[in-house]
Amino acid sequence: MLPGTTDVLIVGAGPTGLTAALTLARRGVDVTLVEQRETPAVTSRAAVVHAYTLEVLDRVGAGAPLVERGLRSARFSVRDRDRVLITVPFDRLPSRHRYALMVSQSVTEEVLTERLAEAGGRVLRPYRLTGLRQEPDGAVAQFGDTTVRARWVVGADGIRSTVRELAGIPFTGPDGSAESFVLADVRVDSALPRDGASIFLARGGPLVWAPLPDDRVRLVATVTDPPAEPDLPYLQRLLDERGLRREPDQVREVLWSSRFRLHRRVAETFRAGPVLLAGDAGHVHSPAGGQGMNLGICDAVDLGETLSAVLAGGPDTILDEYAARRRPLAHEVAGFADRLTRLATVPSAGRPARDALLRLVSALPPVRRRVALRLSGLSQRPSDRVSHPATSR
């Protein structure tokens, strides 16, 4: 049952909303987390948690239990069929987490939900936001015939965010049609090592091959007109056309598959009065590089710490600072994902030059380090964290 009042109302219980609620609950904040789905999703898009995100999750007690459930990836390789163009090792990252953690988003959500319960919080389902009115001392959210008064409302409700739309925040990006993607978890016989992920740069678009626990592999590919539920023959053709040539992968089983379309978009502001955005509600872009969920989780901890500071007596202007920090990062990550996609779709005549250039620069340790820092998210690490007078419990 929904409460009549709350300090912070979070709409959306994906990784971003769960992380924000956990951050606030551990600091003793009265937080309400609502989700319109009746049950948690059992399939998910994101499959990697990067080093900086794990550092951030360590701050809210969720890093270690998540690491226990995942598979550590030692490197990330950029390939053109059988040729390795760049290998980016993670073993020298300036972090306690010298790897990328391969783990399904559904598992990430399970861990966050468990930690939230330990902090005294839970997800309230199923409640769909139907109205949002801003007032001088906060906002009033409408869920059908029920209203909730909140000092602050956080939109963590994804690409089609109702919070963002009701707050009147524009969601803009470059002109052009949406990109289409295929997503699948498969079991596959492959010559590729299971201690690292790969992205294949192919004429039809990039193909990501990422190992997961339980002998699964996550496939993500940019395609023109995918079927609603890509089947085994379709995924096999993708691997034949874009993956290894000399020892091609053989798909043994499709555990689940899907398609999705998205535009590159970033909200014009992450704050409108008492309304704040985090995660896909504020930014969406190509999944190349596996940055989306990671950025959303980092948004959530930053926002949770900042809101805690405000509720402990700090000025609400520091929420403007949150918005000013997160929006440029969203543009930076979106641009990085776009560059990976453009590298993949270089016309045939330019591919030999592209491959030669990538192999040349990959021989330079400073270049490999910069790419590793970007992929791992450590390039986003601030010199100073948000300070707050509230104490964790």
Protein backbone atom coordinates (compact mmCIF):
# COMPACT_ATOMS: atom_id res chain seq x y z
CA MET A 1 0.00 0.00 0.00
CA LEU A 2 1.27 3.46 -0.90
CA PRO A 3 2.03 5.94 1.87
CA GLY A 4 0.33 9.31 1.89
CA THR A 5 3.63 11.17 2.31
CA THR A 6 7.32 10.42 1.88
CA ASP A 7 10.54 12.37 1.75
CA VAL A 8 11.68 10.81 -1.52
CA LEU A 9 9.49 9.04 -4.07
CA ILE A 10 11.40 6.98 -6.65
CA VAL A 11 9.50 5.82 -9.72
CA GLY A 12 11.03 2.79 -11.42
CA ALA A 13 12.67 -0.23 -9.76
CA GLY A 14 15.32 -1.17 -12.28
CA PRO A 15 19.01 -1.00 -11.32
CA THR A 16 18.95 2.80 -11.12
CA GLY A 17 15.86 3.08 -8.92
CA LEU A 18 16.96 0.21 -6.68
CA THR A 19 20.41 1.75 -6.21
CA ALA A 20 19.00 5.19 -5.42
CA ALA A 21 16.58 3.69 -2.89
CA LEU A 22 19.34 1.63 -1.30
CA THR A 23 21.63 4.65 -1.01
CA LEU A 24 18.90 6.66 0.71
CA ALA A 25 17.63 3.85 2.95
CA ARG A 26 21.12 3.18 4.29
CA ARG A 27 21.21 6.82 5.37
CA GLY A 28 17.91 6.63 7.20
CA VAL A 29 15.90 8.60 4.63
CA ASP A 30 12.15 7.99 4.31
CA VAL A 31 12.11 6.67 0.73
CA THR A 32 9.32 5.06 -1.28
CA LEU A 33 10.16 2.98 -4.37
CA VAL A 34 7.35 2.13 -6.79
CA GLU A 35 7.27 0.02 -9.94
CA GLN A 36 4.47 -0.50 -12.46
CA ARG A 37 5.48 -4.07 -13.37
CA GLU A 38 3.86 -6.77 -11.24
CA THR A 39 7.04 -8.87 -11.05
CA PRO A 40 10.75 -8.24 -11.66
CA ALA A 41 12.04 -8.89 -15.16
CA VAL A 42 13.78 -12.23 -15.64
CA THR A 43 15.52 -11.14 -18.84
CA SER A 44 17.57 -8.01 -19.24
CA ARG A 45 19.70 -5.94 -21.56
CA ALA A 46 22.76 -5.13 -19.49
CA ALA A 47 25.38 -7.83 -18.90
CA VAL A 48 28.47 -6.05 -17.57
CA VAL A 49 29.28 -4.07 -14.42
CA HIS A 50 32.48 -2.10 -14.85
CA ALA A 51 35.20 -1.42 -12.27
CA TYR A 52 34.14 2.11 -11.34
CA THR A 53 30.52 1.02 -10.95
CA LEU A 54 31.67 -1.72 -8.57
CA GLU A 55 33.58 0.89 -6.57
CA VAL A 56 30.40 2.96 -6.37
CA LEU A 57 28.34 -0.09 -5.34
CA ASP A 58 30.90 -0.81 -2.61
CA ARG A 59 29.82 2.49 -1.04
CA VAL A 60 26.29 1.10 -0.55
CA GLY A 61 27.25 -2.46 0.40
CA ALA A 62 26.29 -4.08 -2.91
CA GLY A 63 29.66 -4.52 -4.62
CA ALA A 64 30.95 -7.68 -2.88
CA PRO A 65 27.72 -9.74 -3.10
CA LEU A 66 27.41 -8.88 -6.78
CA VAL A 67 31.01 -9.93 -7.50
CA GLU A 68 30.21 -13.31 -5.93
CA ARG A 69 27.44 -13.83 -8.52
CA GLY A 70 29.36 -12.76 -11.61
CA LEU A 71 32.17 -13.82 -13.94
CA ARG A 72 35.36 -11.74 -13.98
CA SER A 73 36.44 -10.63 -17.45
CA ALA A 74 40.16 -9.92 -17.73
CA ARG A 75 40.14 -8.11 -21.05
CA PHE A 76 38.11 -6.55 -23.82
CA SER A 77 39.07 -7.24 -27.42
CA VAL A 78 38.18 -5.38 -30.60
CA ARG A 79 38.16 -7.75 -33.58
CA ASP A 80 37.64 -7.88 -37.30
CA ARG A 81 36.64 -11.52 -37.76
CA ASP A 82 39.74 -13.57 -36.80
CA ARG A 83 42.04 -10.57 -36.41
CA VAL A 84 42.46 -8.97 -33.02
CA LEU A 85 42.81 -5.22 -33.58
CA ILE A 86 43.06 -4.10 -29.96
CA THR A 87 43.17 -5.97 -26.67
CA VAL A 88 42.41 -3.84 -23.65
CA PRO A 89 43.59 -5.56 -20.44
CA PHE A 90 41.96 -4.71 -17.13
CA ASP A 91 44.58 -6.21 -14.80
CA ARG A 92 46.40 -2.89 -14.34
CA LEU A 93 43.38 -0.73 -13.64
CA PRO A 94 43.90 1.70 -10.73
CA SER A 95 41.11 0.00 -8.79
CA ARG A 96 40.50 -2.84 -6.36
CA HIS A 97 38.34 -4.28 -9.16
CA ARG A 98 40.80 -5.07 -11.94
CA TYR A 99 38.24 -6.68 -14.22
CA ALA A 100 34.83 -6.20 -15.80
CA LEU A 101 32.14 -8.23 -14.06
CA MET A 102 29.94 -10.18 -16.46
CA VAL A 103 26.55 -10.66 -14.84
CA SER A 104 22.96 -10.46 -16.03
CA GLN A 105 21.00 -7.33 -15.14
CA SER A 106 18.34 -9.52 -13.51
CA VAL A 107 20.99 -10.81 -11.08
CA THR A 108 22.16 -7.25 -10.41
CA GLU A 109 18.57 -6.32 -9.57
CA GLU A 110 18.24 -9.35 -7.26
CA VAL A 111 21.34 -8.32 -5.29
CA LEU A 112 20.19 -4.71 -5.02
CA THR A 113 16.71 -5.81 -3.91
CA GLU A 114 18.22 -8.03 -1.20
CA ARG A 115 20.42 -5.22 0.08
CA LEU A 116 17.49 -2.80 0.04
CA ALA A 117 15.45 -5.22 2.16
CA GLU A 118 18.32 -5.44 4.67
CA ALA A 119 18.23 -1.62 4.88
CA GLY A 120 14.51 -1.69 5.62
CA GLY A 121 13.18 -0.87 2.16
CA ARG A 122 11.14 -2.70 -0.48
CA VAL A 123 9.59 -2.28 -3.91
CA LEU A 124 5.87 -1.43 -4.00
CA ARG A 125 4.09 -3.04 -7.00
CA PRO A 126 2.26 -2.60 -9.29
CA TYR A 127 1.65 1.14 -9.27
CA ARG A 128 1.59 3.23 -12.45
CA LEU A 129 2.21 6.96 -12.24
CA THR A 130 -0.67 8.85 -13.88
CA GLY A 131 -0.09 12.43 -12.75
CA LEU A 132 2.53 14.70 -11.21
CA ARG A 133 1.98 18.18 -9.83
CA GLN A 134 4.73 20.39 -8.46
CA GLU A 135 4.02 22.46 -5.34
CA PRO A 136 6.12 24.94 -3.32
CA ASP A 137 7.18 22.29 -0.79
CA GLY A 138 7.53 19.32 -3.14
CA ALA A 139 5.30 17.40 -5.51
CA VAL A 140 2.09 15.39 -5.55
CA ALA A 141 2.18 12.13 -7.50
CA GLN A 142 -1.00 10.49 -8.70
CA PHE A 143 -1.34 6.70 -8.98
CA GLY A 144 -4.89 6.20 -10.21
CA ASP A 145 -7.10 7.25 -7.29
CA THR A 146 -4.20 7.41 -4.83
CA THR A 147 -1.93 10.39 -4.21
CA VAL A 148 1.52 10.52 -2.63
CA ARG A 149 3.06 13.77 -1.42
CA ALA A 150 6.85 13.84 -1.64
CA ARG A 151 9.50 16.43 -0.99
CA TRP A 152 11.46 15.02 -3.93
CA VAL A 153 10.52 12.78 -6.86
CA VAL A 154 13.14 10.76 -8.74
CA GLY A 155 12.43 9.57 -12.26
CA ALA A 156 14.23 6.25 -12.69
CA ASP A 157 11.55 4.87 -14.99
CA GLY A 158 13.55 4.34 -18.15
CA ILE A 159 13.59 5.54 -21.72
CA ARG A 160 9.86 6.31 -21.88
CA SER A 161 9.94 8.00 -18.48
CA THR A 162 6.52 9.17 -17.34
CA VAL A 163 8.18 11.32 -14.67
CA ARG A 164 10.25 13.13 -17.30
CA GLU A 165 7.24 13.69 -19.55
CA LEU A 166 4.96 14.92 -16.75
CA ALA A 167 7.71 17.27 -15.56
CA GLY A 168 7.95 18.71 -19.08
CA ILE A 169 11.67 17.98 -19.48
CA PRO A 170 12.68 17.71 -23.17
CA PHE A 171 14.52 14.55 -24.24
CA THR A 172 16.57 15.47 -27.27
CA GLY A 173 19.29 14.11 -29.50
CA PRO A 174 20.69 14.10 -33.03
CA ASP A 175 18.27 13.85 -35.93
CA GLY A 176 18.03 10.47 -37.61
CA SER A 177 16.23 7.18 -37.36
CA ALA A 178 16.46 4.87 -34.37
CA GLU A 179 18.99 2.04 -34.31
CA SER A 180 17.74 -1.54 -34.06
CA PHE A 181 19.45 -4.18 -31.95
CA VAL A 182 19.25 -7.91 -31.37
CA LEU A 183 19.86 -9.22 -27.87
CA ALA A 184 20.19 -12.86 -26.86
CA ASP A 185 21.59 -15.23 -24.27
CA VAL A 186 22.85 -18.42 -25.89
CA ARG A 187 24.93 -21.49 -25.28
CA VAL A 188 27.55 -21.78 -27.95
CA ASP A 189 30.58 -23.83 -28.92
CA SER A 190 33.30 -21.23 -29.48
CA ALA A 191 37.05 -20.88 -29.80
CA LEU A 192 36.87 -17.49 -28.08
CA PRO A 193 38.29 -17.39 -24.53
CA ARG A 194 35.69 -17.15 -21.77
CA ASP A 195 37.82 -14.81 -19.64
CA GLY A 196 37.23 -11.84 -21.91
CA ALA A 197 34.55 -10.07 -23.95
CA SER A 198 34.87 -9.13 -27.61
CA ILE A 199 33.31 -6.67 -30.02
CA PHE A 200 33.45 -7.60 -33.69
CA LEU A 201 33.56 -4.67 -36.10
CA ALA A 202 31.52 -5.77 -39.10
CA ARG A 203 30.10 -4.00 -42.13
CA GLY A 204 26.56 -4.63 -40.94
CA GLY A 205 27.35 -3.18 -37.51
CA PRO A 206 29.06 -4.25 -34.29
CA LEU A 207 28.50 -7.62 -32.65
CA VAL A 208 29.27 -7.97 -28.94
CA TRP A 209 30.19 -11.44 -27.62
CA ALA A 210 30.29 -11.53 -23.83
CA PRO A 211 30.63 -14.59 -21.56
CA LEU A 212 28.24 -14.93 -18.63
CA PRO A 213 28.07 -17.38 -15.71
CA ASP A 214 26.46 -20.80 -16.21
CA ASP A 215 28.09 -21.37 -19.59
CA ARG A 216 26.03 -18.64 -21.28
CA VAL A 217 27.10 -16.02 -23.79
CA ARG A 218 25.39 -12.67 -24.32
CA LEU A 219 25.12 -11.52 -27.93
CA VAL A 220 24.25 -7.92 -28.84
CA ALA A 221 24.24 -6.81 -32.48
CA THR A 222 23.19 -3.78 -34.45
CA VAL A 223 20.89 -4.92 -37.26
CA THR A 224 18.59 -3.29 -39.79
CA ASP A 225 15.32 -5.21 -39.49
CA PRO A 226 15.44 -7.88 -36.78
CA PRO A 227 12.63 -10.36 -36.08
CA ALA A 228 10.65 -9.94 -32.88
CA GLU A 229 12.20 -13.07 -31.35
CA PRO A 230 15.48 -13.95 -33.09
CA ASP A 231 15.76 -17.73 -33.32
CA LEU A 232 18.75 -20.06 -33.48
CA PRO A 233 19.19 -19.95 -37.29
CA TYR A 234 19.04 -16.13 -37.26
CA LEU A 235 21.64 -15.82 -34.49
CA GLN A 236 23.83 -18.42 -36.19
CA ARG A 237 23.80 -16.33 -39.37
CA LEU A 238 24.84 -13.25 -37.40
CA LEU A 239 27.81 -15.11 -35.95
CA ASP A 240 28.72 -16.57 -39.35
CA GLU A 241 28.63 -13.13 -40.97
CA ARG A 242 30.38 -11.13 -38.24
CA GLY A 243 32.21 -13.48 -35.88
CA LEU A 244 35.14 -15.86 -36.20
CA ARG A 245 35.73 -17.14 -39.72
CA ARG A 246 38.28 -19.97 -39.38
CA GLU A 247 36.59 -21.60 -36.38
CA PRO A 248 33.05 -20.23 -36.44
CA ASP A 249 30.87 -20.39 -33.37
CA GLN A 250 28.08 -22.96 -33.28
CA VAL A 251 24.94 -21.98 -31.38
CA ARG A 252 23.65 -24.95 -29.36
CA GLU A 253 20.74 -23.32 -27.53
CA VAL A 254 18.90 -19.99 -27.37
CA LEU A 255 17.91 -19.27 -23.77
CA TRP A 256 16.06 -16.09 -24.64
CA SER A 257 16.18 -13.41 -27.30
CA SER A 258 14.66 -10.05 -28.09
CA ARG A 259 14.98 -6.93 -30.19
CA PHE A 260 14.81 -3.26 -29.31
CA ARG A 261 15.09 0.13 -30.95
CA LEU A 262 16.43 3.36 -29.53
CA HIS A 263 17.51 6.87 -30.40
CA ARG A 264 20.43 8.64 -28.80
CA ARG A 265 18.80 11.05 -26.36
CA VAL A 266 19.84 13.14 -23.33
CA ALA A 267 17.44 15.10 -21.14
CA GLU A 268 17.90 18.86 -21.36
CA THR A 269 18.10 19.02 -17.56
CA PHE A 270 18.30 16.43 -14.80
CA ARG A 271 16.38 18.66 -12.38
CA ALA A 272 13.09 20.52 -12.63
CA GLY A 273 12.25 21.85 -9.16
CA PRO A 274 11.55 18.85 -6.90
CA VAL A 275 11.82 16.41 -9.83
CA LEU A 276 15.14 14.71 -10.57
CA LEU A 277 16.20 12.24 -13.26
CA ALA A 278 18.65 9.35 -13.21
CA GLY A 279 19.54 6.47 -15.51
CA ASP A 280 17.75 5.89 -18.81
CA ALA A 281 15.17 8.52 -17.89
CA GLY A 282 17.98 11.03 -18.40
CA HIS A 283 20.11 9.43 -21.11
CA VAL A 284 19.99 6.63 -23.67
CA HIS A 285 22.48 5.57 -26.32
CA SER A 286 23.95 2.62 -28.18
CA PRO A 287 24.80 -0.38 -25.95
CA ALA A 288 28.27 -0.65 -27.54
CA GLY A 289 30.78 -0.69 -24.69
CA GLY A 290 28.20 -1.66 -22.09
CA GLN A 291 27.98 1.78 -20.50
CA GLY A 292 24.25 2.47 -20.05
CA MET A 293 23.31 0.64 -16.85
CA ASN A 294 26.68 1.48 -15.34
CA LEU A 295 26.14 5.20 -15.81
CA GLY A 296 22.64 4.88 -14.36
CA ILE A 297 23.90 3.16 -11.20
CA CYS A 298 26.52 5.87 -10.75
CA ASP A 299 23.82 8.52 -11.27
CA ALA A 300 21.79 6.83 -8.55
CA VAL A 301 24.47 6.76 -5.85
CA ASP A 302 25.48 10.35 -6.63
CA LEU A 303 21.85 11.45 -6.44
CA GLY A 304 21.13 9.42 -3.29
CA GLU A 305 24.13 10.90 -1.49
CA THR A 306 23.22 14.41 -2.64
CA LEU A 307 19.57 14.09 -1.60
CA SER A 308 20.68 12.72 1.78
CA ALA A 309 22.82 15.80 2.26
CA VAL A 310 19.90 18.09 1.42
CA LEU A 311 17.53 16.26 3.76
CA ALA A 312 20.17 16.47 6.51
CA GLY A 313 20.10 20.25 6.25
CA GLY A 314 22.24 21.08 3.24
CA PRO A 315 21.17 23.64 0.61
CA ASP A 316 19.04 22.26 -2.21
CA THR A 317 21.32 24.05 -4.68
CA ILE A 318 23.66 21.06 -4.45
CA LEU A 319 21.01 19.20 -6.48
CA ASP A 320 21.76 21.63 -9.29
CA GLU A 321 25.37 20.54 -8.95
CA TYR A 322 24.26 16.92 -9.30
CA ALA A 323 22.47 17.80 -12.54
CA ALA A 324 25.48 19.75 -13.77
CA ARG A 325 27.79 16.78 -13.08
CA ARG A 326 25.72 14.01 -14.60
CA ARG A 327 24.52 15.56 -17.87
CA PRO A 328 28.01 16.10 -19.40
CA LEU A 329 28.92 12.52 -18.46
CA ALA A 330 25.82 11.30 -20.32
CA HIS A 331 26.91 13.17 -23.46
CA GLU A 332 30.46 11.82 -23.11
CA VAL A 333 29.33 8.19 -22.77
CA ALA A 334 26.85 8.52 -25.63
CA GLY A 335 29.59 9.92 -27.86
CA PHE A 336 31.94 7.06 -26.96
CA ALA A 337 29.29 4.46 -27.85
CA ASP A 338 28.63 6.22 -31.15
CA ARG A 339 32.31 6.17 -32.05
CA LEU A 340 32.46 2.41 -31.47
CA THR A 341 29.48 1.97 -33.79
CA ARG A 342 31.02 4.16 -36.49
CA LEU A 343 34.26 2.17 -36.32
CA ALA A 344 32.27 -0.98 -37.04
CA THR A 345 30.44 0.40 -40.06
CA VAL A 346 33.40 1.80 -42.00
CA PRO A 347 32.84 0.97 -45.72
CA SER A 348 34.75 -2.00 -47.14
CA ALA A 349 37.28 0.18 -48.97
CA GLY A 350 38.32 1.86 -45.71
CA ARG A 351 38.48 -1.22 -43.51
CA PRO A 352 42.13 -2.18 -44.19
CA ALA A 353 43.27 1.34 -43.26
CA ARG A 354 41.04 1.35 -40.16
CA ASP A 355 42.35 -2.04 -39.03
CA ALA A 356 45.98 -1.04 -39.60
CA LEU A 357 45.50 2.18 -37.64
CA LEU A 358 43.82 0.41 -34.73
CA ARG A 359 46.57 -2.21 -34.53
CA LEU A 360 49.20 0.52 -34.64
CA VAL A 361 47.71 2.61 -31.84
CA SER A 362 47.01 -0.51 -29.76
CA ALA A 363 50.77 -1.03 -29.52
CA LEU A 364 51.04 2.21 -27.54
CA PRO A 365 50.61 1.59 -23.77
CA PRO A 366 49.19 5.10 -23.09
CA VAL A 367 46.44 4.48 -25.65
CA ARG A 368 45.53 1.11 -24.17
CA ARG A 369 45.43 2.71 -20.73
CA ARG A 370 43.11 5.51 -21.86
CA VAL A 371 40.75 3.03 -23.50
CA ALA A 372 40.79 0.83 -20.37
CA LEU A 373 39.98 3.82 -18.16
CA ARG A 374 37.13 4.83 -20.47
CA LEU A 375 35.61 1.35 -20.72
CA SER A 376 35.94 0.71 -16.98
CA GLY A 377 34.33 4.05 -16.12
CA LEU A 378 37.36 5.06 -14.05
CA SER A 379 37.83 8.10 -16.25
CA GLN A 380 34.64 9.40 -14.57
CA ARG A 381 36.07 9.07 -11.07
CA PRO A 382 35.79 12.50 -9.45
CA SER A 383 38.58 14.02 -7.42
CA ASP A 384 36.11 14.71 -4.64
CA ARG A 385 33.02 12.76 -3.68
CA VAL A 386 29.84 14.47 -2.54
CA SER A 387 30.23 15.13 1.15
CA HIS A 388 27.20 14.77 3.37
CA PRO A 389 26.55 15.09 7.08
CA ALA A 390 24.15 12.12 7.13
CA THR A 391 25.55 8.89 8.48
CA SER A 392 25.19 5.45 6.95
CA ARG A 393 23.79 2.51 8.83
